[in-house]
Amino acid sequence: MRILIIEDNVTTADYLSKGLQENYFIPDVAYDGLTGLHLATTNQYDIIILDVMIPHLNGWTIIKKLRADGIQTSVLFLTAKDNIEDKVQGLELGADDYLTKPFAFSELLARIRSLLRRKQPNYTEIISIANLIIDLKKHKVTRDNLPITLSAKEFMLLVLLVNRKGEILSRTFIAEQVWDINFDSDTNVIDVAIKRLRDKIDKDFQQKLIHSVRGVGYVLEER
C-alpha cells in the first residue's frame, strides 16, 4: 500500500515514514504543498496524510484541488489545528479522517487501516502468492504450511517484493524502502539480503518466487 505524506516538519515526516515502512507500507514524502499536490495528481496512492499549515499551498487548498479534479484518494488530515471549526472544515472539504497533533502512532495506524477497509473491501493483512502466506499483523510467514523465520529486515524486504509483485525493483529502490534512504546501494548488502531471503523462501521448494534480473534488480513472481 502506497501512502503520500505531505508534512513540512522534517522530523515528523521522517518519523511517519519510518513507522509506516516498519508496518509494510510504501511512503513518499513531500515537504511543501506544491510538491505534494504534484505527487498526489501524478501518482496513485491508497492514502494521503496531509498537514494543513504547509508552505506554498496549504492543506485546505490541496484537498479542494484534488476533489475538484475528481481524485478521490483517501485523505487523512494530521495537523495541530484542533479547533472544532477546523475539523468540520476539513471533513466538509472532503477529508476521510482528521487527527490532531500530538498523536499516538498506534492510533494513526489504526485509522489508516480503518480507511483501507472502508475504501477497499478486499484489503487484508494476509498476503498470499502461490503457497506463500504472509500475516502482516502477526509478522508470520509460512510456505506450504511450514513456518519460516525471518529477521525484521528480511520480513520488510519480502513484503516489499510481494506488494510490488511482477515489478522489477532496482537495488536503489530496495535500499530506499527497506534501509535508510542514504544507504549506499553500491555495496553488496542488497544482494546478500536477497540471497538469505531466497534461501529461506525458495531453497526447499520446486517453484521459485524471487528472481534476479541481470543488471537491473529483483522481481517476485510466479513462473
N, C-alpha and C. Protein backbone atom coordinates (compact mmCIF):
# COMPACT_ATOMS: atom_id res chain seq x y z
N MET A 1 0.83 -1.18 0.00
CA MET A 1 0.00 0.00 0.00
C MET A 1 0.88 1.25 0.00
N ARG A 2 0.57 2.18 -0.89
CA ARG A 2 1.38 3.39 -1.01
C ARG A 2 0.69 4.54 -0.29
N ILE A 3 1.47 5.27 0.48
CA ILE A 3 0.95 6.40 1.25
C ILE A 3 1.80 7.63 0.97
N LEU A 4 1.13 8.74 0.70
CA LEU A 4 1.82 10.02 0.49
C LEU A 4 1.70 10.84 1.76
N ILE A 5 2.85 11.29 2.27
CA ILE A 5 2.90 12.15 3.45
C ILE A 5 3.22 13.56 2.98
N ILE A 6 2.34 14.52 3.27
CA ILE A 6 2.61 15.92 2.94
C ILE A 6 2.75 16.65 4.27
N GLU A 7 3.98 16.90 4.66
CA GLU A 7 4.29 17.41 6.00
C GLU A 7 5.59 18.20 5.93
N ASP A 8 5.57 19.45 6.39
CA ASP A 8 6.76 20.30 6.25
C ASP A 8 7.76 20.13 7.38
N ASN A 9 7.35 19.55 8.50
CA ASN A 9 8.28 19.32 9.59
C ASN A 9 9.08 18.04 9.29
N VAL A 10 10.36 18.21 9.06
CA VAL A 10 11.20 17.09 8.63
C VAL A 10 11.22 15.98 9.67
N THR A 11 11.30 16.34 10.94
CA THR A 11 11.34 15.33 12.00
C THR A 11 10.05 14.51 12.01
N THR A 12 8.91 15.19 11.91
CA THR A 12 7.63 14.49 11.89
C THR A 12 7.50 13.62 10.65
N ALA A 13 7.88 14.18 9.51
CA ALA A 13 7.78 13.43 8.25
C ALA A 13 8.64 12.17 8.29
N ASP A 14 9.86 12.30 8.80
CA ASP A 14 10.75 11.15 8.89
C ASP A 14 10.21 10.10 9.86
N TYR A 15 9.64 10.56 10.96
CA TYR A 15 9.04 9.65 11.95
C TYR A 15 7.89 8.88 11.33
N LEU A 16 7.03 9.58 10.60
CA LEU A 16 5.90 8.92 9.94
C LEU A 16 6.39 7.93 8.89
N SER A 17 7.35 8.36 8.09
CA SER A 17 7.86 7.50 7.03
C SER A 17 8.46 6.22 7.59
N LYS A 18 9.27 6.35 8.63
CA LYS A 18 9.91 5.19 9.23
C LYS A 18 8.86 4.25 9.84
N GLY A 19 7.90 4.82 10.56
CA GLY A 19 6.87 4.00 11.18
C GLY A 19 6.02 3.26 10.16
N LEU A 20 5.70 3.92 9.05
CA LEU A 20 4.91 3.28 8.01
C LEU A 20 5.70 2.17 7.32
N GLN A 21 6.99 2.42 7.08
CA GLN A 21 7.82 1.39 6.47
C GLN A 21 7.89 0.15 7.38
N GLU A 22 7.99 0.38 8.67
CA GLU A 22 8.07 -0.73 9.61
C GLU A 22 6.77 -1.53 9.65
N ASN A 23 5.69 -0.91 9.19
CA ASN A 23 4.41 -1.61 9.12
C ASN A 23 4.05 -1.97 7.68
N TYR A 24 5.07 -1.99 6.82
CA TYR A 24 4.99 -2.58 5.48
C TYR A 24 4.17 -1.76 4.49
N PHE A 25 4.11 -0.44 4.74
CA PHE A 25 3.57 0.47 3.74
C PHE A 25 4.73 1.09 2.97
N ILE A 26 4.43 1.64 1.79
CA ILE A 26 5.45 2.30 0.98
C ILE A 26 5.15 3.79 0.99
N PRO A 27 5.91 4.58 1.76
CA PRO A 27 5.62 6.01 1.86
C PRO A 27 6.45 6.87 0.91
N ASP A 28 5.82 7.91 0.40
CA ASP A 28 6.52 9.00 -0.26
C ASP A 28 6.31 10.24 0.59
N VAL A 29 7.27 11.17 0.55
CA VAL A 29 7.19 12.36 1.40
C VAL A 29 7.33 13.61 0.55
N ALA A 30 6.45 14.59 0.81
CA ALA A 30 6.57 15.93 0.23
C ALA A 30 6.61 16.92 1.39
N TYR A 31 7.54 17.88 1.31
CA TYR A 31 7.72 18.82 2.42
C TYR A 31 7.04 20.16 2.17
N ASP A 32 6.36 20.30 1.05
CA ASP A 32 5.60 21.52 0.78
C ASP A 32 4.38 21.17 -0.06
N GLY A 33 3.44 22.11 -0.12
CA GLY A 33 2.18 21.85 -0.77
C GLY A 33 2.25 21.64 -2.27
N LEU A 34 3.10 22.41 -2.94
CA LEU A 34 3.20 22.28 -4.40
C LEU A 34 3.73 20.90 -4.79
N THR A 35 4.78 20.47 -4.11
CA THR A 35 5.33 19.14 -4.39
C THR A 35 4.31 18.06 -4.04
N GLY A 36 3.63 18.25 -2.92
CA GLY A 36 2.63 17.27 -2.51
C GLY A 36 1.50 17.15 -3.51
N LEU A 37 1.02 18.28 -3.99
CA LEU A 37 -0.08 18.25 -4.98
C LEU A 37 0.39 17.59 -6.26
N HIS A 38 1.62 17.88 -6.67
CA HIS A 38 2.15 17.26 -7.90
C HIS A 38 2.21 15.74 -7.74
N LEU A 39 2.73 15.27 -6.62
CA LEU A 39 2.81 13.82 -6.40
C LEU A 39 1.41 13.20 -6.34
N ALA A 40 0.50 13.88 -5.67
CA ALA A 40 -0.84 13.34 -5.49
C ALA A 40 -1.61 13.24 -6.80
N THR A 41 -1.27 14.10 -7.75
CA THR A 41 -2.01 14.11 -9.02
C THR A 41 -1.31 13.32 -10.12
N THR A 42 -0.07 12.92 -9.89
CA THR A 42 0.66 12.19 -10.94
C THR A 42 0.97 10.74 -10.54
N ASN A 43 0.65 10.37 -9.30
CA ASN A 43 0.88 9.00 -8.84
C ASN A 43 -0.39 8.47 -8.20
N GLN A 44 -0.46 7.17 -8.07
CA GLN A 44 -1.59 6.53 -7.41
C GLN A 44 -1.21 6.17 -5.98
N TYR A 45 -1.98 6.68 -5.03
CA TYR A 45 -1.76 6.39 -3.62
C TYR A 45 -3.03 5.81 -3.02
N ASP A 46 -2.86 5.03 -1.97
CA ASP A 46 -4.00 4.49 -1.26
C ASP A 46 -4.52 5.48 -0.22
N ILE A 47 -3.59 6.24 0.37
CA ILE A 47 -3.96 7.24 1.38
C ILE A 47 -2.99 8.42 1.27
N ILE A 48 -3.49 9.62 1.54
CA ILE A 48 -2.66 10.80 1.67
C ILE A 48 -2.78 11.30 3.11
N ILE A 49 -1.65 11.44 3.79
CA ILE A 49 -1.61 12.05 5.12
C ILE A 49 -1.21 13.51 4.92
N LEU A 50 -2.08 14.42 5.30
CA LEU A 50 -1.95 15.82 4.90
C LEU A 50 -1.97 16.76 6.09
N ASP A 51 -0.94 17.59 6.21
CA ASP A 51 -0.92 18.66 7.19
C ASP A 51 -1.67 19.87 6.61
N VAL A 52 -2.08 20.78 7.46
CA VAL A 52 -2.79 21.96 6.98
C VAL A 52 -1.83 23.10 6.70
N MET A 53 -1.02 23.46 7.70
CA MET A 53 -0.14 24.62 7.58
C MET A 53 1.20 24.19 6.99
N ILE A 54 1.27 24.20 5.66
CA ILE A 54 2.48 23.83 4.93
C ILE A 54 2.80 24.90 3.90
N PRO A 55 4.06 25.02 3.49
CA PRO A 55 4.45 26.10 2.57
C PRO A 55 3.83 25.96 1.19
N HIS A 56 3.68 27.11 0.53
CA HIS A 56 3.28 27.25 -0.88
C HIS A 56 1.79 26.98 -1.12
N LEU A 57 1.30 25.82 -0.74
CA LEU A 57 -0.14 25.54 -0.79
C LEU A 57 -0.52 24.88 0.52
N ASN A 58 -1.54 25.42 1.20
CA ASN A 58 -1.92 24.77 2.46
C ASN A 58 -2.80 23.56 2.21
N GLY A 59 -3.04 22.82 3.28
CA GLY A 59 -3.80 21.58 3.14
C GLY A 59 -5.22 21.78 2.65
N TRP A 60 -5.85 22.89 3.06
CA TRP A 60 -7.21 23.17 2.59
C TRP A 60 -7.23 23.28 1.07
N THR A 61 -6.26 24.03 0.54
CA THR A 61 -6.20 24.24 -0.92
C THR A 61 -5.93 22.94 -1.65
N ILE A 62 -5.05 22.12 -1.10
CA ILE A 62 -4.71 20.85 -1.74
C ILE A 62 -5.93 19.95 -1.87
N ILE A 63 -6.67 19.78 -0.78
CA ILE A 63 -7.81 18.86 -0.86
C ILE A 63 -8.90 19.43 -1.77
N LYS A 64 -9.06 20.75 -1.80
CA LYS A 64 -10.02 21.36 -2.72
C LYS A 64 -9.66 21.01 -4.16
N LYS A 65 -8.37 21.16 -4.51
CA LYS A 65 -7.92 20.89 -5.87
C LYS A 65 -8.07 19.41 -6.21
N LEU A 66 -7.73 18.53 -5.27
CA LEU A 66 -7.85 17.10 -5.51
C LEU A 66 -9.30 16.71 -5.79
N ARG A 67 -10.19 17.15 -4.94
CA ARG A 67 -11.59 16.78 -5.12
C ARG A 67 -12.19 17.44 -6.37
N ALA A 68 -11.76 18.67 -6.69
CA ALA A 68 -12.25 19.34 -7.90
C ALA A 68 -11.80 18.59 -9.15
N ASP A 69 -10.62 17.96 -9.07
CA ASP A 69 -10.10 17.19 -10.21
C ASP A 69 -10.63 15.76 -10.23
N GLY A 70 -11.50 15.43 -9.31
CA GLY A 70 -12.08 14.10 -9.29
C GLY A 70 -11.21 13.04 -8.66
N ILE A 71 -10.14 13.45 -7.97
CA ILE A 71 -9.25 12.49 -7.31
C ILE A 71 -9.83 12.17 -5.94
N GLN A 72 -10.23 10.92 -5.76
CA GLN A 72 -10.92 10.51 -4.54
C GLN A 72 -10.05 9.70 -3.59
N THR A 73 -8.73 9.84 -3.72
CA THR A 73 -7.82 9.16 -2.79
C THR A 73 -8.17 9.54 -1.35
N SER A 74 -8.18 8.57 -0.46
CA SER A 74 -8.48 8.84 0.95
C SER A 74 -7.50 9.85 1.52
N VAL A 75 -8.01 10.87 2.20
CA VAL A 75 -7.18 11.90 2.80
C VAL A 75 -7.40 11.90 4.31
N LEU A 76 -6.31 11.81 5.04
CA LEU A 76 -6.33 11.88 6.49
C LEU A 76 -5.56 13.14 6.90
N PHE A 77 -6.27 14.14 7.43
CA PHE A 77 -5.57 15.32 7.93
C PHE A 77 -4.86 14.98 9.22
N LEU A 78 -3.59 15.35 9.32
CA LEU A 78 -2.80 15.20 10.54
C LEU A 78 -2.21 16.57 10.83
N THR A 79 -2.77 17.28 11.80
CA THR A 79 -2.46 18.68 11.97
C THR A 79 -2.59 19.12 13.41
N ALA A 80 -1.93 20.23 13.74
CA ALA A 80 -2.05 20.82 15.08
C ALA A 80 -3.30 21.67 15.21
N LYS A 81 -3.99 21.92 14.12
CA LYS A 81 -5.21 22.73 14.16
C LYS A 81 -6.34 21.88 14.74
N ASP A 82 -6.62 22.12 16.04
CA ASP A 82 -7.51 21.22 16.77
C ASP A 82 -8.85 21.82 17.14
N ASN A 83 -9.18 22.99 16.56
CA ASN A 83 -10.49 23.56 16.81
C ASN A 83 -11.57 22.74 16.12
N ILE A 84 -12.76 22.72 16.71
CA ILE A 84 -13.87 22.01 16.10
C ILE A 84 -14.15 22.57 14.70
N GLU A 85 -14.03 23.89 14.55
CA GLU A 85 -14.28 24.51 13.24
C GLU A 85 -13.32 23.99 12.19
N ASP A 86 -12.06 23.78 12.58
CA ASP A 86 -11.07 23.26 11.64
C ASP A 86 -11.40 21.82 11.25
N LYS A 87 -11.79 21.01 12.23
CA LYS A 87 -12.15 19.61 11.94
C LYS A 87 -13.34 19.55 10.99
N VAL A 88 -14.33 20.38 11.28
CA VAL A 88 -15.52 20.41 10.42
C VAL A 88 -15.15 20.84 9.01
N GLN A 89 -14.30 21.89 8.91
CA GLN A 89 -13.89 22.36 7.58
C GLN A 89 -13.17 21.27 6.81
N GLY A 90 -12.25 20.58 7.47
CA GLY A 90 -11.51 19.53 6.79
C GLY A 90 -12.41 18.43 6.27
N LEU A 91 -13.34 18.00 7.10
CA LEU A 91 -14.24 16.92 6.70
C LEU A 91 -15.21 17.38 5.60
N GLU A 92 -15.67 18.63 5.70
CA GLU A 92 -16.59 19.14 4.68
C GLU A 92 -15.90 19.35 3.34
N LEU A 93 -14.59 19.59 3.36
CA LEU A 93 -13.85 19.74 2.11
C LEU A 93 -13.59 18.40 1.43
N GLY A 94 -13.87 17.31 2.15
CA GLY A 94 -13.72 16.00 1.52
C GLY A 94 -12.73 15.07 2.17
N ALA A 95 -12.19 15.45 3.34
CA ALA A 95 -11.27 14.55 4.04
C ALA A 95 -12.03 13.35 4.57
N ASP A 96 -11.34 12.23 4.68
CA ASP A 96 -11.95 11.00 5.18
C ASP A 96 -11.75 10.82 6.68
N ASP A 97 -10.75 11.52 7.23
CA ASP A 97 -10.50 11.43 8.66
C ASP A 97 -9.67 12.65 9.06
N TYR A 98 -9.64 12.91 10.37
CA TYR A 98 -8.96 14.10 10.88
C TYR A 98 -8.37 13.74 12.24
N LEU A 99 -7.04 13.83 12.36
CA LEU A 99 -6.34 13.50 13.60
C LEU A 99 -5.46 14.69 13.98
N THR A 100 -5.51 15.07 15.25
CA THR A 100 -4.76 16.25 15.68
C THR A 100 -3.44 15.86 16.34
N LYS A 101 -2.47 16.75 16.22
CA LYS A 101 -1.18 16.59 16.88
C LYS A 101 -1.26 17.21 18.28
N PRO A 102 -0.53 16.69 19.27
CA PRO A 102 0.30 15.47 19.21
C PRO A 102 -0.58 14.22 19.09
N PHE A 103 0.01 13.16 18.54
CA PHE A 103 -0.77 11.97 18.26
C PHE A 103 0.04 10.72 18.63
N ALA A 104 -0.65 9.64 18.83
CA ALA A 104 0.00 8.34 19.05
C ALA A 104 0.06 7.62 17.72
N PHE A 105 1.23 7.10 17.38
CA PHE A 105 1.37 6.43 16.09
C PHE A 105 0.43 5.23 15.99
N SER A 106 0.19 4.56 17.11
CA SER A 106 -0.71 3.40 17.08
C SER A 106 -2.12 3.81 16.66
N GLU A 107 -2.56 5.00 17.09
CA GLU A 107 -3.89 5.47 16.68
C GLU A 107 -3.89 5.83 15.20
N LEU A 108 -2.83 6.49 14.74
CA LEU A 108 -2.73 6.82 13.32
C LEU A 108 -2.78 5.54 12.49
N LEU A 109 -2.05 4.53 12.90
CA LEU A 109 -2.01 3.27 12.17
C LEU A 109 -3.39 2.62 12.14
N ALA A 110 -4.09 2.66 13.26
CA ALA A 110 -5.44 2.09 13.32
C ALA A 110 -6.39 2.84 12.38
N ARG A 111 -6.24 4.15 12.31
CA ARG A 111 -7.10 4.94 11.42
C ARG A 111 -6.78 4.65 9.95
N ILE A 112 -5.50 4.48 9.64
CA ILE A 112 -5.11 4.14 8.27
C ILE A 112 -5.73 2.81 7.86
N ARG A 113 -5.63 1.83 8.73
CA ARG A 113 -6.19 0.51 8.41
C ARG A 113 -7.71 0.57 8.30
N SER A 114 -8.33 1.39 9.12
CA SER A 114 -9.78 1.56 9.03
C SER A 114 -10.17 2.18 7.70
N LEU A 115 -9.42 3.19 7.24
CA LEU A 115 -9.70 3.80 5.94
C LEU A 115 -9.53 2.80 4.81
N LEU A 116 -8.49 1.97 4.90
CA LEU A 116 -8.26 0.98 3.86
C LEU A 116 -9.40 -0.03 3.80
N ARG A 117 -9.88 -0.45 4.96
CA ARG A 117 -11.00 -1.40 4.97
C ARG A 117 -12.27 -0.76 4.43
N ARG A 118 -12.43 0.54 4.72
CA ARG A 118 -13.64 1.24 4.29
C ARG A 118 -13.65 1.46 2.78
N LYS A 119 -12.50 1.88 2.24
CA LYS A 119 -12.41 2.22 0.82
C LYS A 119 -12.08 1.01 -0.05
N GLN A 120 -11.44 0.00 0.55
CA GLN A 120 -11.04 -1.16 -0.23
C GLN A 120 -11.52 -2.42 0.49
N PRO A 121 -12.74 -2.88 0.17
CA PRO A 121 -13.31 -4.04 0.86
C PRO A 121 -12.42 -5.28 0.82
N ASN A 122 -11.56 -5.36 -0.19
CA ASN A 122 -10.70 -6.53 -0.33
C ASN A 122 -9.38 -6.39 0.44
N TYR A 123 -9.20 -5.24 1.13
CA TYR A 123 -7.96 -5.04 1.88
C TYR A 123 -7.83 -6.10 2.97
N THR A 124 -6.67 -6.67 3.06
CA THR A 124 -6.42 -7.70 4.06
C THR A 124 -4.99 -7.60 4.55
N GLU A 125 -4.78 -8.06 5.76
CA GLU A 125 -3.42 -8.10 6.31
C GLU A 125 -2.81 -9.49 6.12
N ILE A 126 -3.48 -10.31 5.34
CA ILE A 126 -2.94 -11.61 4.95
C ILE A 126 -2.63 -11.55 3.46
N ILE A 127 -1.37 -11.70 3.09
CA ILE A 127 -0.95 -11.66 1.69
C ILE A 127 -0.52 -13.06 1.28
N SER A 128 -0.92 -13.49 0.10
CA SER A 128 -0.51 -14.82 -0.36
C SER A 128 -0.12 -14.79 -1.82
N ILE A 129 0.85 -15.59 -2.16
CA ILE A 129 1.25 -15.81 -3.55
C ILE A 129 1.74 -17.25 -3.63
N ALA A 130 1.19 -18.00 -4.58
CA ALA A 130 1.45 -19.44 -4.66
C ALA A 130 1.10 -20.05 -3.30
N ASN A 131 2.03 -20.79 -2.70
CA ASN A 131 1.77 -21.38 -1.38
C ASN A 131 2.48 -20.63 -0.26
N LEU A 132 2.85 -19.37 -0.55
CA LEU A 132 3.49 -18.49 0.43
C LEU A 132 2.43 -17.60 1.06
N ILE A 133 2.35 -17.58 2.38
CA ILE A 133 1.37 -16.77 3.09
C ILE A 133 2.09 -15.87 4.09
N ILE A 134 1.75 -14.58 4.06
CA ILE A 134 2.36 -13.59 4.95
C ILE A 134 1.26 -12.96 5.80
N ASP A 135 1.40 -13.04 7.10
CA ASP A 135 0.48 -12.40 8.03
C ASP A 135 1.15 -11.13 8.54
N LEU A 136 0.68 -9.97 8.02
CA LEU A 136 1.33 -8.71 8.35
C LEU A 136 1.16 -8.35 9.83
N LYS A 137 0.00 -8.63 10.36
CA LYS A 137 -0.28 -8.24 11.74
C LYS A 137 0.52 -9.07 12.73
N LYS A 138 0.63 -10.37 12.47
CA LYS A 138 1.34 -11.26 13.39
C LYS A 138 2.82 -11.43 13.03
N HIS A 139 3.23 -10.82 11.90
CA HIS A 139 4.63 -10.93 11.45
C HIS A 139 5.04 -12.39 11.27
N LYS A 140 4.15 -13.17 10.64
CA LYS A 140 4.43 -14.59 10.43
C LYS A 140 4.42 -14.92 8.94
N VAL A 141 5.29 -15.85 8.56
CA VAL A 141 5.39 -16.30 7.18
C VAL A 141 5.35 -17.82 7.16
N THR A 142 4.56 -18.36 6.27
CA THR A 142 4.57 -19.81 6.06
C THR A 142 4.61 -20.09 4.57
N ARG A 143 5.17 -21.23 4.21
CA ARG A 143 5.11 -21.69 2.82
C ARG A 143 4.79 -23.18 2.85
N ASP A 144 3.74 -23.52 2.16
CA ASP A 144 3.24 -24.89 2.16
C ASP A 144 2.99 -25.34 3.60
N ASN A 145 2.46 -24.38 4.40
CA ASN A 145 2.11 -24.59 5.81
C ASN A 145 3.31 -24.79 6.72
N LEU A 146 4.51 -24.59 6.21
CA LEU A 146 5.71 -24.69 7.03
C LEU A 146 6.14 -23.30 7.48
N PRO A 147 6.37 -23.09 8.78
CA PRO A 147 6.75 -21.76 9.26
C PRO A 147 8.16 -21.38 8.79
N ILE A 148 8.32 -20.11 8.45
CA ILE A 148 9.61 -19.58 8.02
C ILE A 148 9.97 -18.42 8.93
N THR A 149 11.13 -18.49 9.55
CA THR A 149 11.58 -17.44 10.47
C THR A 149 12.41 -16.41 9.71
N LEU A 150 11.98 -15.15 9.77
CA LEU A 150 12.69 -14.06 9.09
C LEU A 150 13.06 -12.99 10.10
N SER A 151 14.19 -12.33 9.83
CA SER A 151 14.55 -11.15 10.61
C SER A 151 13.60 -10.01 10.22
N ALA A 152 13.65 -8.92 10.99
CA ALA A 152 12.78 -7.78 10.69
C ALA A 152 13.03 -7.24 9.29
N LYS A 153 14.30 -7.09 8.91
CA LYS A 153 14.62 -6.56 7.58
C LYS A 153 14.23 -7.54 6.49
N GLU A 154 14.42 -8.84 6.73
CA GLU A 154 14.02 -9.84 5.75
C GLU A 154 12.51 -9.82 5.54
N PHE A 155 11.78 -9.63 6.63
CA PHE A 155 10.32 -9.57 6.53
C PHE A 155 9.90 -8.34 5.72
N MET A 156 10.51 -7.18 6.01
CA MET A 156 10.21 -5.96 5.26
C MET A 156 10.54 -6.12 3.78
N LEU A 157 11.66 -6.75 3.51
CA LEU A 157 12.08 -6.98 2.12
C LEU A 157 11.09 -7.87 1.39
N LEU A 158 10.66 -8.94 2.05
CA LEU A 158 9.69 -9.85 1.44
C LEU A 158 8.37 -9.14 1.16
N VAL A 159 7.88 -8.36 2.12
CA VAL A 159 6.61 -7.65 1.93
C VAL A 159 6.72 -6.65 0.78
N LEU A 160 7.86 -5.97 0.69
CA LEU A 160 8.06 -5.04 -0.43
C LEU A 160 7.97 -5.77 -1.76
N LEU A 161 8.66 -6.90 -1.87
CA LEU A 161 8.64 -7.67 -3.11
C LEU A 161 7.25 -8.17 -3.45
N VAL A 162 6.53 -8.65 -2.43
CA VAL A 162 5.18 -9.18 -2.67
C VAL A 162 4.21 -8.06 -3.05
N ASN A 163 4.31 -6.92 -2.35
CA ASN A 163 3.43 -5.79 -2.67
C ASN A 163 3.67 -5.26 -4.08
N ARG A 164 4.90 -5.44 -4.58
CA ARG A 164 5.24 -5.00 -5.94
C ARG A 164 5.39 -6.20 -6.86
N LYS A 165 4.60 -7.23 -6.62
CA LYS A 165 4.68 -8.48 -7.39
C LYS A 165 4.66 -8.19 -8.89
N GLY A 166 5.62 -8.78 -9.59
CA GLY A 166 5.69 -8.61 -11.03
C GLY A 166 6.48 -7.39 -11.47
N GLU A 167 6.83 -6.51 -10.55
CA GLU A 167 7.63 -5.32 -10.87
C GLU A 167 9.10 -5.60 -10.59
N ILE A 168 9.95 -5.18 -11.51
CA ILE A 168 11.40 -5.31 -11.29
C ILE A 168 11.84 -4.15 -10.42
N LEU A 169 12.38 -4.46 -9.25
CA LEU A 169 12.80 -3.43 -8.30
C LEU A 169 14.31 -3.29 -8.32
N SER A 170 14.77 -2.08 -8.50
CA SER A 170 16.22 -1.83 -8.53
C SER A 170 16.79 -1.93 -7.12
N ARG A 171 18.08 -2.12 -7.04
CA ARG A 171 18.75 -2.17 -5.74
C ARG A 171 18.59 -0.84 -5.01
N THR A 172 18.64 0.25 -5.76
CA THR A 172 18.49 1.58 -5.15
C THR A 172 17.12 1.72 -4.52
N PHE A 173 16.09 1.29 -5.25
CA PHE A 173 14.72 1.40 -4.72
C PHE A 173 14.57 0.53 -3.47
N ILE A 174 15.10 -0.67 -3.51
CA ILE A 174 15.02 -1.56 -2.35
C ILE A 174 15.73 -0.93 -1.17
N ALA A 175 16.91 -0.35 -1.41
CA ALA A 175 17.66 0.30 -0.34
C ALA A 175 16.88 1.44 0.28
N GLU A 176 16.21 2.23 -0.54
CA GLU A 176 15.43 3.37 -0.04
C GLU A 176 14.25 2.91 0.81
N GLN A 177 13.61 1.81 0.40
CA GLN A 177 12.39 1.38 1.06
C GLN A 177 12.64 0.54 2.30
N VAL A 178 13.68 -0.25 2.30
CA VAL A 178 13.91 -1.18 3.41
C VAL A 178 14.99 -0.69 4.35
N TRP A 179 16.01 -0.02 3.79
CA TRP A 179 17.08 0.53 4.60
C TRP A 179 16.97 2.05 4.61
N ASP A 180 17.91 2.72 5.19
CA ASP A 180 17.92 4.18 5.20
C ASP A 180 18.01 4.72 3.79
N ILE A 181 17.39 5.85 3.53
CA ILE A 181 17.34 6.40 2.18
C ILE A 181 18.73 6.76 1.66
N ASN A 182 19.67 7.02 2.58
CA ASN A 182 21.04 7.36 2.16
C ASN A 182 21.93 6.13 2.08
N PHE A 183 21.33 4.97 2.16
CA PHE A 183 22.07 3.71 2.09
C PHE A 183 22.88 3.63 0.80
N ASP A 184 24.11 3.17 0.93
CA ASP A 184 25.00 3.05 -0.24
C ASP A 184 24.68 1.77 -1.00
N SER A 185 23.89 1.91 -2.07
CA SER A 185 23.44 0.72 -2.81
C SER A 185 24.53 0.14 -3.71
N ASP A 186 25.74 0.76 -3.70
CA ASP A 186 26.82 0.19 -4.49
C ASP A 186 27.45 -1.02 -3.78
N THR A 187 27.16 -1.17 -2.50
CA THR A 187 27.69 -2.33 -1.79
C THR A 187 26.84 -3.54 -2.14
N ASN A 188 27.25 -4.70 -1.66
CA ASN A 188 26.53 -5.92 -2.00
C ASN A 188 25.54 -6.33 -0.91
N VAL A 189 25.21 -5.40 -0.02
CA VAL A 189 24.31 -5.74 1.08
C VAL A 189 22.95 -6.18 0.56
N ILE A 190 22.43 -5.52 -0.47
CA ILE A 190 21.14 -5.90 -1.04
C ILE A 190 21.21 -7.32 -1.58
N ASP A 191 22.25 -7.60 -2.33
CA ASP A 191 22.40 -8.94 -2.91
C ASP A 191 22.50 -10.01 -1.82
N VAL A 192 23.23 -9.70 -0.75
CA VAL A 192 23.36 -10.65 0.35
C VAL A 192 22.01 -10.88 1.03
N ALA A 193 21.26 -9.78 1.23
CA ALA A 193 19.95 -9.89 1.87
C ALA A 193 18.99 -10.71 1.01
N ILE A 194 19.03 -10.48 -0.29
CA ILE A 194 18.17 -11.24 -1.20
C ILE A 194 18.54 -12.72 -1.17
N LYS A 195 19.84 -13.01 -1.15
CA LYS A 195 20.29 -14.41 -1.11
C LYS A 195 19.78 -15.10 0.15
N ARG A 196 19.88 -14.42 1.29
CA ARG A 196 19.41 -15.01 2.54
C ARG A 196 17.90 -15.24 2.48
N LEU A 197 17.19 -14.28 1.91
CA LEU A 197 15.74 -14.42 1.81
C LEU A 197 15.37 -15.57 0.88
N ARG A 198 16.08 -15.68 -0.24
CA ARG A 198 15.83 -16.78 -1.17
C ARG A 198 16.09 -18.13 -0.50
N ASP A 199 17.16 -18.20 0.30
CA ASP A 199 17.48 -19.46 0.97
C ASP A 199 16.33 -19.91 1.87
N LYS A 200 15.63 -18.94 2.45
CA LYS A 200 14.54 -19.27 3.36
C LYS A 200 13.21 -19.48 2.62
N ILE A 201 12.99 -18.70 1.57
CA ILE A 201 11.70 -18.72 0.88
C ILE A 201 11.66 -19.76 -0.24
N ASP A 202 12.75 -19.89 -0.98
CA ASP A 202 12.73 -20.68 -2.22
C ASP A 202 13.53 -21.98 -2.19
N LYS A 203 14.57 -22.02 -1.39
CA LYS A 203 15.56 -23.10 -1.50
C LYS A 203 14.94 -24.50 -1.44
N ASP A 204 14.01 -24.72 -0.54
CA ASP A 204 13.46 -26.06 -0.34
C ASP A 204 12.18 -26.32 -1.12
N PHE A 205 11.89 -25.45 -2.09
CA PHE A 205 10.66 -25.59 -2.86
C PHE A 205 10.96 -25.59 -4.35
N GLN A 206 10.21 -26.40 -5.06
CA GLN A 206 10.46 -26.53 -6.50
C GLN A 206 10.17 -25.23 -7.24
N GLN A 207 9.06 -24.58 -6.91
CA GLN A 207 8.71 -23.33 -7.59
C GLN A 207 9.44 -22.16 -6.91
N LYS A 208 10.23 -21.46 -7.69
CA LYS A 208 10.96 -20.31 -7.17
C LYS A 208 10.13 -19.04 -7.39
N LEU A 209 10.15 -18.17 -6.39
CA LEU A 209 9.35 -16.94 -6.45
C LEU A 209 10.20 -15.68 -6.64
N ILE A 210 11.39 -15.66 -6.08
CA ILE A 210 12.25 -14.47 -6.16
C ILE A 210 13.28 -14.68 -7.26
N HIS A 211 13.31 -13.75 -8.22
CA HIS A 211 14.17 -13.90 -9.39
C HIS A 211 15.04 -12.65 -9.56
N SER A 212 16.25 -12.85 -10.02
CA SER A 212 17.15 -11.73 -10.32
C SER A 212 17.01 -11.36 -11.79
N VAL A 213 17.15 -10.08 -12.05
CA VAL A 213 17.15 -9.55 -13.42
C VAL A 213 18.50 -8.90 -13.62
N ARG A 214 19.33 -9.54 -14.41
CA ARG A 214 20.72 -9.13 -14.54
C ARG A 214 20.84 -7.65 -14.88
N GLY A 215 21.64 -6.95 -14.09
CA GLY A 215 21.92 -5.54 -14.35
C GLY A 215 20.81 -4.60 -13.94
N VAL A 216 19.70 -5.13 -13.41
CA VAL A 216 18.57 -4.26 -13.06
C VAL A 216 18.22 -4.40 -11.58
N GLY A 217 17.84 -5.60 -11.16
CA GLY A 217 17.43 -5.76 -9.76
C GLY A 217 16.76 -7.10 -9.55
N TYR A 218 15.62 -7.07 -8.85
CA TYR A 218 14.95 -8.30 -8.47
C TYR A 218 13.44 -8.17 -8.67
N VAL A 219 12.79 -9.32 -8.86
CA VAL A 219 11.35 -9.35 -9.02
C VAL A 219 10.80 -10.59 -8.33
N LEU A 220 9.63 -10.47 -7.74
CA LEU A 220 8.95 -11.62 -7.17
C LEU A 220 7.73 -11.92 -8.03
N GLU A 221 7.68 -13.12 -8.55
CA GLU A 221 6.54 -13.51 -9.39
C GLU A 221 6.52 -15.02 -9.54
N GLU A 222 5.33 -15.54 -9.88
CA GLU A 222 5.19 -16.96 -10.15
C GLU A 222 5.58 -17.22 -11.60
N ARG A 223 6.43 -18.20 -11.82
CA ARG A 223 6.86 -18.53 -13.18
C ARG A 223 6.64 -20.01 -13.43
